[in-house]
Amino acid sequence: MPEDIPKTQKATGLSSEDLSADLHEFRAAVQDLGKLLKKVGKKRMGEVGEEFEQQSEELIRQGRQAIQVLEHRVEQLEKSVERSVRDHPGAWAGGILGVIGFGLILGLLARRHS
């Protein structure tokens, strides 16, 4: 590589001081570019972080809203069942006894086959 310096000097007409100065200037420009890229990267990461935070907050808000809707529907269903049991206690008692009887029959059949 040192033998290339005289060839380069002859081809460009620059002295080693000029080449050294150009090399120093090039290094400084590369360092400046690196610093600039670092700043841009940090800024972009901050923007991405803010976008992620906003999206996660929106998802949490939507989740809470869905839970509230679900709680309201369950509450309405509970009230509806209570009202139905109060209005028709015999039908509910018969239904429950029917389910219990059906379960007993299935249990006896399963026991007999095993």
C-alpha atoms as a PDB file:
ATOM      1  CA  MET A   1       0.000   0.000   0.000  1.00  0.00           C
ATOM      2  CA  PRO A   2       2.798   2.488   0.749  1.00  0.00           C
ATOM      3  CA  GLU A   3       4.051   1.967  -2.802  1.00  0.00           C
ATOM      4  CA  ASP A   4       0.633   3.149  -4.083  1.00  0.00           C
ATOM      5  CA  ILE A   5       1.091   6.602  -2.538  1.00  0.00           C
ATOM      6  CA  PRO A   6       3.686   7.829  -5.063  1.00  0.00           C
ATOM      7  CA  LYS A   7       1.538   6.501  -7.920  1.00  0.00           C
ATOM      8  CA  THR A   8      -1.494   8.310  -6.545  1.00  0.00           C
ATOM      9  CA  GLN A   9       0.512  11.481  -6.053  1.00  0.00           C
ATOM     10  CA  LYS A  10       1.719  11.375  -9.669  1.00  0.00           C
ATOM     11  CA  ALA A  11      -1.782  10.633 -11.020  1.00  0.00           C
ATOM     12  CA  THR A  12      -3.558  13.331  -9.007  1.00  0.00           C
ATOM     13  CA  GLY A  13      -0.777  15.854  -8.698  1.00  0.00           C
ATOM     14  CA  LEU A  14      -1.385  16.077  -4.914  1.00  0.00           C
ATOM     15  CA  SER A  15       1.232  15.933  -2.219  1.00  0.00           C
ATOM     16  CA  SER A  16       1.058  13.609   0.767  1.00  0.00           C
ATOM     17  CA  GLU A  17       0.005  16.568   2.923  1.00  0.00           C
ATOM     18  CA  ASP A  18      -2.906  17.203   0.563  1.00  0.00           C
ATOM     19  CA  LEU A  19      -3.856  13.536   0.612  1.00  0.00           C
ATOM     20  CA  SER A  20      -3.584  13.467   4.397  1.00  0.00           C
ATOM     21  CA  ALA A  21      -5.777  16.559   4.677  1.00  0.00           C
ATOM     22  CA  ASP A  22      -8.312  15.027   2.278  1.00  0.00           C
ATOM     23  CA  LEU A  23      -8.278  11.794   4.260  1.00  0.00           C
ATOM     24  CA  HIS A  24      -8.749  13.700   7.515  1.00  0.00           C
ATOM     25  CA  GLU A  25     -11.632  15.668   5.964  1.00  0.00           C
ATOM     26  CA  PHE A  26     -13.181  12.423   4.678  1.00  0.00           C
ATOM     27  CA  ARG A  27     -12.943  10.826   8.141  1.00  0.00           C
ATOM     28  CA  ALA A  28     -14.569  13.878   9.707  1.00  0.00           C
ATOM     29  CA  ALA A  29     -17.383  13.755   7.135  1.00  0.00           C
ATOM     30  CA  VAL A  30     -17.953  10.048   7.864  1.00  0.00           C
ATOM     31  CA  GLN A  31     -18.043  10.765  11.604  1.00  0.00           C
ATOM     32  CA  ASP A  32     -20.532  13.604  11.037  1.00  0.00           C
ATOM     33  CA  LEU A  33     -22.659  11.291   8.922  1.00  0.00           C
ATOM     34  CA  GLY A  34     -22.573   8.670  11.670  1.00  0.00           C
ATOM     35  CA  LYS A  35     -23.661  11.241  14.260  1.00  0.00           C
ATOM     36  CA  LEU A  36     -26.465  12.424  11.997  1.00  0.00           C
ATOM     37  CA  LEU A  37     -27.658   8.858  11.416  1.00  0.00           C
ATOM     38  CA  LYS A  38     -27.577   8.258  15.164  1.00  0.00           C
ATOM     39  CA  LYS A  39     -29.739  11.343  15.782  1.00  0.00           C
ATOM     40  CA  VAL A  40     -32.198  10.316  13.061  1.00  0.00           C
ATOM     41  CA  GLY A  41     -32.342   6.792  14.505  1.00  0.00           C
ATOM     42  CA  LYS A  42     -33.049   8.084  18.013  1.00  0.00           C
ATOM     43  CA  LYS A  43     -35.734  10.431  16.721  1.00  0.00           C
ATOM     44  CA  ARG A  44     -37.382   7.644  14.718  1.00  0.00           C
ATOM     45  CA  MET A  45     -37.254   5.279  17.716  1.00  0.00           C
ATOM     46  CA  GLY A  46     -38.956   7.964  19.780  1.00  0.00           C
ATOM     47  CA  GLU A  47     -41.668   8.323  17.146  1.00  0.00           C
ATOM     48  CA  VAL A  48     -42.145   4.560  16.933  1.00  0.00           C
ATOM     49  CA  GLY A  49     -42.309   4.388  20.730  1.00  0.00           C
ATOM     50  CA  GLU A  50     -44.976   7.093  20.811  1.00  0.00           C
ATOM     51  CA  GLU A  51     -46.995   5.338  18.091  1.00  0.00           C
ATOM     52  CA  PHE A  52     -46.741   2.039  19.972  1.00  0.00           C
ATOM     53  CA  GLU A  53     -47.830   3.708  23.206  1.00  0.00           C
ATOM     54  CA  GLN A  54     -50.820   5.347  21.506  1.00  0.00           C
ATOM     55  CA  GLN A  55     -51.879   2.084  19.873  1.00  0.00           C
ATOM     56  CA  SER A  56     -51.543   0.126  23.110  1.00  0.00           C
ATOM     57  CA  GLU A  57     -53.568   2.754  24.990  1.00  0.00           C
ATOM     58  CA  GLU A  58     -56.259   2.536  22.306  1.00  0.00           C
ATOM     59  CA  LEU A  59     -56.342  -1.257  22.584  1.00  0.00           C
ATOM     60  CA  ILE A  60     -56.639  -1.032  26.365  1.00  0.00           C
ATOM     61  CA  ARG A  61     -59.472   1.473  26.010  1.00  0.00           C
ATOM     62  CA  GLN A  62     -61.285  -0.784  23.541  1.00  0.00           C
ATOM     63  CA  GLY A  63     -60.761  -3.782  25.826  1.00  0.00           C
ATOM     64  CA  ARG A  64     -62.216  -1.931  28.804  1.00  0.00           C
ATOM     65  CA  GLN A  65     -65.171  -0.837  26.708  1.00  0.00           C
ATOM     66  CA  ALA A  66     -65.770  -4.434  25.548  1.00  0.00           C
ATOM     67  CA  ILE A  67     -65.649  -5.644  29.163  1.00  0.00           C
ATOM     68  CA  GLN A  68     -68.207  -3.014  30.175  1.00  0.00           C
ATOM     69  CA  VAL A  69     -70.523  -4.089  27.355  1.00  0.00           C
ATOM     70  CA  LEU A  70     -70.102  -7.736  28.355  1.00  0.00           C
ATOM     71  CA  GLU A  71     -70.777  -6.956  32.031  1.00  0.00           C
ATOM     72  CA  HIS A  72     -73.924  -5.062  31.048  1.00  0.00           C
ATOM     73  CA  ARG A  73     -75.153  -7.986  28.922  1.00  0.00           C
ATOM     74  CA  VAL A  74     -74.489 -10.501  31.723  1.00  0.00           C
ATOM     75  CA  GLU A  75     -76.337  -8.248  34.156  1.00  0.00           C
ATOM     76  CA  GLN A  76     -79.313  -8.083  31.797  1.00  0.00           C
ATOM     77  CA  LEU A  77     -79.255 -11.867  31.369  1.00  0.00           C
ATOM     78  CA  GLU A  78     -79.187 -12.392  35.148  1.00  0.00           C
ATOM     79  CA  LYS A  79     -82.153 -10.073  35.593  1.00  0.00           C
ATOM     80  CA  SER A  80     -84.000 -11.833  32.791  1.00  0.00           C
ATOM     81  CA  VAL A  81     -83.409 -15.272  34.360  1.00  0.00           C
ATOM     82  CA  GLU A  82     -84.472 -14.004  37.800  1.00  0.00           C
ATOM     83  CA  ARG A  83     -87.628 -12.498  36.340  1.00  0.00           C
ATOM     84  CA  SER A  84     -88.404 -15.697  34.465  1.00  0.00           C
ATOM     85  CA  VAL A  85     -87.893 -17.860  37.565  1.00  0.00           C
ATOM     86  CA  ARG A  86     -90.162 -15.586  39.619  1.00  0.00           C
ATOM     87  CA  ASP A  87     -92.855 -15.531  36.940  1.00  0.00           C
ATOM     88  CA  HIS A  88     -92.769 -19.299  36.209  1.00  0.00           C
ATOM     89  CA  PRO A  89     -91.306 -21.184  39.198  1.00  0.00           C
ATOM     90  CA  GLY A  90     -93.047 -24.455  38.289  1.00  0.00           C
ATOM     91  CA  ALA A  91     -91.615 -24.529  34.796  1.00  0.00           C
ATOM     92  CA  TRP A  92     -88.131 -23.893  36.110  1.00  0.00           C
ATOM     93  CA  ALA A  93     -88.476 -26.557  38.814  1.00  0.00           C
ATOM     94  CA  GLY A  94     -89.705 -29.038  36.214  1.00  0.00           C
ATOM     95  CA  GLY A  95     -86.848 -28.142  33.883  1.00  0.00           C
ATOM     96  CA  ILE A  96     -84.250 -28.547  36.601  1.00  0.00           C
ATOM     97  CA  LEU A  97     -85.737 -31.884  37.697  1.00  0.00           C
ATOM     98  CA  GLY A  98     -85.762 -33.006  34.075  1.00  0.00           C
ATOM     99  CA  VAL A  99     -82.078 -32.170  33.673  1.00  0.00           C
ATOM    100  CA  ILE A 100     -81.230 -33.973  36.911  1.00  0.00           C
ATOM    101  CA  GLY A 101     -83.254 -37.025  35.820  1.00  0.00           C
ATOM    102  CA  PHE A 102     -81.603 -37.066  32.402  1.00  0.00           C
ATOM    103  CA  GLY A 103     -78.174 -36.899  34.066  1.00  0.00           C
ATOM    104  CA  LEU A 104     -79.060 -39.799  36.374  1.00  0.00           C
ATOM    105  CA  ILE A 105     -80.219 -41.923  33.446  1.00  0.00           C
ATOM    106  CA  LEU A 106     -77.037 -41.201  31.506  1.00  0.00           C
ATOM    107  CA  GLY A 107     -74.988 -42.028  34.607  1.00  0.00           C
ATOM    108  CA  LEU A 108     -76.768 -45.363  35.072  1.00  0.00           C
ATOM    109  CA  LEU A 109     -76.308 -46.238  31.401  1.00  0.00           C
ATOM    110  CA  ALA A 110     -72.626 -45.324  31.492  1.00  0.00           C
ATOM    111  CA  ARG A 111     -72.137 -47.352  34.663  1.00  0.00           C
ATOM    112  CA  ARG A 112     -73.877 -50.380  33.165  1.00  0.00           C
ATOM    113  CA  HIS A 113     -71.605 -50.379  30.089  1.00  0.00           C
ATOM    114  CA  SER A 114     -68.340 -50.045  31.988  1.00  0.00           C
END
